[in-house]
Amino acid sequence: MISIENELNIETEAVGLNVWVKNRTIYIELSDFRIIAFPADRFKILNSATDEELQEVQLRLNGKALRWENLDEDITLQGIMQGRFQLPM
């Protein structure tokens, strides 16, 4: 059975709608109504960032990536969803 999405090749993956930081944890609200979170300390640059620097996160690439301009750090939503972290817990 071929769905309309497959027939038209429409991308249906969830994208980020909102992002925030609380207690060094990054939270992302997704377009499919889920909220995912991960510890900032799982990434090298974020691990050494101050709490204030972590707060400066922005959604980019139509909700497919996180960006910290002052830290020059980009993390894709796909990488987060696939568990591709740089540092162990």
N, C-alpha and C. Protein backbone atom coordinates (compact mmCIF):
# COMPACT_ATOMS: atom_id res chain seq x y z
N MET A 1 0.84 -1.17 0.00
CA MET A 1 0.00 0.00 0.00
C MET A 1 0.89 1.24 0.00
N ILE A 2 0.64 2.17 -0.88
CA ILE A 2 1.42 3.39 -0.98
C ILE A 2 0.60 4.53 -0.40
N SER A 3 1.17 5.22 0.57
CA SER A 3 0.46 6.35 1.16
C SER A 3 0.62 7.58 0.28
N ILE A 4 -0.22 8.54 0.51
CA ILE A 4 -0.13 9.80 -0.23
C ILE A 4 1.22 10.45 -0.01
N GLU A 5 1.73 10.39 1.25
CA GLU A 5 3.01 11.00 1.55
C GLU A 5 4.12 10.37 0.72
N ASN A 6 4.11 9.03 0.60
CA ASN A 6 5.13 8.35 -0.20
C ASN A 6 4.97 8.67 -1.68
N GLU A 7 3.74 8.69 -2.14
CA GLU A 7 3.47 8.96 -3.55
C GLU A 7 3.95 10.36 -3.94
N LEU A 8 3.73 11.33 -3.08
CA LEU A 8 4.11 12.70 -3.38
C LEU A 8 5.50 13.05 -2.86
N ASN A 9 6.14 12.10 -2.17
CA ASN A 9 7.46 12.29 -1.60
C ASN A 9 7.49 13.49 -0.63
N ILE A 10 6.48 13.58 0.21
CA ILE A 10 6.39 14.65 1.19
C ILE A 10 7.16 14.24 2.44
N GLU A 11 7.97 15.14 2.93
CA GLU A 11 8.73 14.88 4.15
C GLU A 11 7.79 14.98 5.35
N THR A 12 7.76 13.94 6.18
CA THR A 12 6.84 13.93 7.31
C THR A 12 7.56 13.84 8.64
N GLU A 13 8.87 14.01 8.67
CA GLU A 13 9.59 13.93 9.93
C GLU A 13 9.27 15.15 10.80
N ALA A 14 9.32 14.91 12.10
CA ALA A 14 9.05 15.99 13.05
C ALA A 14 10.18 17.01 13.02
N VAL A 15 9.82 18.25 13.23
CA VAL A 15 10.80 19.33 13.33
C VAL A 15 10.57 20.06 14.65
N GLY A 16 11.58 20.80 15.06
CA GLY A 16 11.49 21.55 16.29
C GLY A 16 10.64 22.80 16.13
N LEU A 17 9.76 23.03 17.10
CA LEU A 17 8.93 24.23 17.13
C LEU A 17 9.39 25.22 18.18
N ASN A 18 9.98 24.69 19.25
CA ASN A 18 10.39 25.52 20.38
C ASN A 18 11.57 24.83 21.06
N VAL A 19 12.48 25.62 21.60
CA VAL A 19 13.62 25.06 22.33
C VAL A 19 13.88 25.92 23.55
N TRP A 20 14.23 25.27 24.65
CA TRP A 20 14.57 25.99 25.88
C TRP A 20 15.54 25.16 26.71
N VAL A 21 16.17 25.82 27.66
CA VAL A 21 17.17 25.19 28.52
C VAL A 21 16.76 25.38 29.97
N LYS A 22 16.83 24.30 30.74
CA LYS A 22 16.56 24.36 32.17
C LYS A 22 17.48 23.38 32.87
N ASN A 23 18.24 23.87 33.83
CA ASN A 23 19.17 23.02 34.61
C ASN A 23 20.13 22.24 33.71
N ARG A 24 20.69 22.92 32.71
CA ARG A 24 21.67 22.34 31.78
C ARG A 24 21.10 21.19 30.95
N THR A 25 19.80 21.16 30.80
CA THR A 25 19.12 20.20 29.93
C THR A 25 18.45 20.98 28.81
N ILE A 26 18.64 20.52 27.57
CA ILE A 26 18.06 21.15 26.40
C ILE A 26 16.75 20.43 26.08
N TYR A 27 15.65 21.18 26.00
CA TYR A 27 14.33 20.65 25.69
C TYR A 27 13.91 21.15 24.32
N ILE A 28 13.31 20.25 23.53
CA ILE A 28 12.84 20.61 22.21
C ILE A 28 11.40 20.12 22.05
N GLU A 29 10.50 21.04 21.76
CA GLU A 29 9.12 20.69 21.45
C GLU A 29 9.04 20.42 19.95
N LEU A 30 8.53 19.24 19.59
CA LEU A 30 8.48 18.81 18.20
C LEU A 30 7.10 19.03 17.58
N SER A 31 7.08 19.08 16.26
CA SER A 31 5.84 19.31 15.53
C SER A 31 4.85 18.15 15.66
N ASP A 32 5.31 16.99 16.14
CA ASP A 32 4.40 15.85 16.35
C ASP A 32 3.95 15.76 17.81
N PHE A 33 4.10 16.86 18.55
CA PHE A 33 3.62 17.02 19.92
C PHE A 33 4.50 16.36 20.98
N ARG A 34 5.62 15.76 20.60
CA ARG A 34 6.55 15.22 21.59
C ARG A 34 7.44 16.33 22.11
N ILE A 35 7.98 16.11 23.29
CA ILE A 35 9.05 16.95 23.83
C ILE A 35 10.20 16.02 24.14
N ILE A 36 11.35 16.30 23.56
CA ILE A 36 12.55 15.50 23.83
C ILE A 36 13.54 16.38 24.58
N ALA A 37 14.45 15.72 25.29
CA ALA A 37 15.44 16.47 26.07
C ALA A 37 16.74 15.68 26.12
N PHE A 38 17.83 16.42 26.30
CA PHE A 38 19.13 15.78 26.47
C PHE A 38 20.00 16.70 27.32
N PRO A 39 20.94 16.11 28.08
CA PRO A 39 21.86 16.92 28.87
C PRO A 39 22.85 17.65 27.98
N ALA A 40 23.03 18.93 28.21
CA ALA A 40 23.99 19.72 27.45
C ALA A 40 25.40 19.14 27.56
N ASP A 41 25.68 18.52 28.67
CA ASP A 41 27.03 18.00 28.92
C ASP A 41 27.39 16.79 28.07
N ARG A 42 26.50 16.36 27.18
CA ARG A 42 26.82 15.26 26.27
C ARG A 42 27.57 15.74 25.03
N PHE A 43 27.75 17.07 24.91
CA PHE A 43 28.49 17.65 23.78
C PHE A 43 29.65 18.48 24.32
N LYS A 44 30.82 18.35 23.68
CA LYS A 44 32.06 18.98 24.17
C LYS A 44 31.91 20.48 24.38
N ILE A 45 31.45 21.20 23.40
CA ILE A 45 31.37 22.66 23.52
C ILE A 45 30.31 23.05 24.54
N LEU A 46 29.18 22.38 24.52
CA LEU A 46 28.12 22.71 25.47
C LEU A 46 28.51 22.35 26.90
N ASN A 47 29.32 21.33 27.05
CA ASN A 47 29.79 20.90 28.37
C ASN A 47 30.56 22.02 29.07
N SER A 48 31.33 22.78 28.30
CA SER A 48 32.14 23.85 28.89
C SER A 48 31.44 25.21 28.86
N ALA A 49 30.23 25.27 28.30
CA ALA A 49 29.50 26.54 28.21
C ALA A 49 28.90 26.91 29.56
N THR A 50 28.76 28.21 29.78
CA THR A 50 28.10 28.68 30.99
C THR A 50 26.59 28.49 30.84
N ASP A 51 25.87 28.57 31.94
CA ASP A 51 24.41 28.48 31.88
C ASP A 51 23.83 29.59 31.01
N GLU A 52 24.40 30.77 31.08
CA GLU A 52 23.93 31.89 30.27
C GLU A 52 24.16 31.63 28.78
N GLU A 53 25.30 31.07 28.44
CA GLU A 53 25.58 30.75 27.04
C GLU A 53 24.62 29.69 26.51
N LEU A 54 24.28 28.71 27.33
CA LEU A 54 23.34 27.67 26.89
C LEU A 54 21.97 28.24 26.57
N GLN A 55 21.57 29.27 27.30
CA GLN A 55 20.26 29.89 27.10
C GLN A 55 20.12 30.54 25.72
N GLU A 56 21.20 30.80 25.04
CA GLU A 56 21.19 31.52 23.76
C GLU A 56 20.92 30.61 22.56
N VAL A 57 20.35 29.45 22.79
CA VAL A 57 20.07 28.49 21.71
C VAL A 57 18.93 29.00 20.83
N GLN A 58 19.05 28.69 19.53
CA GLN A 58 18.03 29.04 18.55
C GLN A 58 17.75 27.84 17.65
N LEU A 59 16.53 27.75 17.18
CA LEU A 59 16.19 26.76 16.16
C LEU A 59 16.57 27.32 14.80
N ARG A 60 17.18 26.50 13.97
CA ARG A 60 17.58 26.90 12.63
C ARG A 60 17.18 25.83 11.62
N LEU A 61 17.39 26.12 10.37
CA LEU A 61 17.09 25.19 9.27
C LEU A 61 15.66 24.65 9.35
N ASN A 62 14.72 25.58 9.51
CA ASN A 62 13.30 25.20 9.58
C ASN A 62 13.02 24.17 10.67
N GLY A 63 13.67 24.34 11.82
CA GLY A 63 13.43 23.46 12.96
C GLY A 63 14.20 22.16 12.94
N LYS A 64 15.20 22.05 12.05
CA LYS A 64 15.97 20.81 11.94
C LYS A 64 17.32 20.86 12.65
N ALA A 65 17.66 22.00 13.22
CA ALA A 65 18.96 22.13 13.89
C ALA A 65 18.88 23.14 15.02
N LEU A 66 19.77 22.96 15.98
CA LEU A 66 19.95 23.91 17.08
C LEU A 66 21.24 24.68 16.82
N ARG A 67 21.23 25.97 17.16
CA ARG A 67 22.41 26.81 16.92
C ARG A 67 22.69 27.67 18.13
N TRP A 68 23.96 27.67 18.57
CA TRP A 68 24.47 28.58 19.58
C TRP A 68 25.48 29.47 18.86
N GLU A 69 25.06 30.64 18.46
CA GLU A 69 25.89 31.54 17.66
C GLU A 69 27.19 31.89 18.36
N ASN A 70 27.12 32.31 19.62
CA ASN A 70 28.33 32.74 20.34
C ASN A 70 29.29 31.60 20.62
N LEU A 71 28.79 30.37 20.65
CA LEU A 71 29.65 29.20 20.86
C LEU A 71 30.10 28.57 19.54
N ASP A 72 29.53 29.04 18.43
CA ASP A 72 29.76 28.46 17.11
C ASP A 72 29.49 26.96 17.12
N GLU A 73 28.33 26.58 17.66
CA GLU A 73 27.95 25.17 17.79
C GLU A 73 26.60 24.94 17.10
N ASP A 74 26.55 23.89 16.30
CA ASP A 74 25.33 23.46 15.62
C ASP A 74 25.12 21.98 15.91
N ILE A 75 23.88 21.62 16.21
CA ILE A 75 23.53 20.22 16.46
C ILE A 75 22.24 19.95 15.70
N THR A 76 22.22 18.88 14.91
CA THR A 76 21.02 18.56 14.16
C THR A 76 20.03 17.80 15.02
N LEU A 77 18.78 18.02 14.74
CA LEU A 77 17.73 17.29 15.42
C LEU A 77 17.83 15.80 15.10
N GLN A 78 18.16 15.49 13.87
CA GLN A 78 18.32 14.09 13.47
C GLN A 78 19.40 13.40 14.31
N GLY A 79 20.52 14.07 14.52
CA GLY A 79 21.59 13.50 15.34
C GLY A 79 21.15 13.25 16.77
N ILE A 80 20.41 14.19 17.32
CA ILE A 80 19.90 14.02 18.68
C ILE A 80 18.95 12.83 18.74
N MET A 81 18.03 12.77 17.77
CA MET A 81 17.04 11.68 17.75
C MET A 81 17.72 10.32 17.57
N GLN A 82 18.85 10.29 16.91
CA GLN A 82 19.58 9.04 16.69
C GLN A 82 20.58 8.74 17.81
N GLY A 83 20.63 9.61 18.82
CA GLY A 83 21.51 9.38 19.95
C GLY A 83 22.98 9.59 19.65
N ARG A 84 23.31 10.43 18.68
CA ARG A 84 24.72 10.67 18.33
C ARG A 84 25.28 11.78 19.21
N PHE A 85 25.73 11.41 20.38
CA PHE A 85 26.31 12.35 21.34
C PHE A 85 27.83 12.20 21.33
N GLN A 86 28.53 13.25 21.74
CA GLN A 86 30.00 13.21 21.73
C GLN A 86 30.59 12.65 23.01
N LEU A 87 29.89 12.83 24.12
CA LEU A 87 30.43 12.44 25.42
C LEU A 87 29.50 11.45 26.12
N PRO A 88 30.07 10.51 26.89
CA PRO A 88 29.22 9.57 27.63
C PRO A 88 28.53 10.28 28.80
N MET A 89 27.54 9.62 29.35
CA MET A 89 26.83 10.15 30.52
C MET A 89 27.76 10.26 31.71
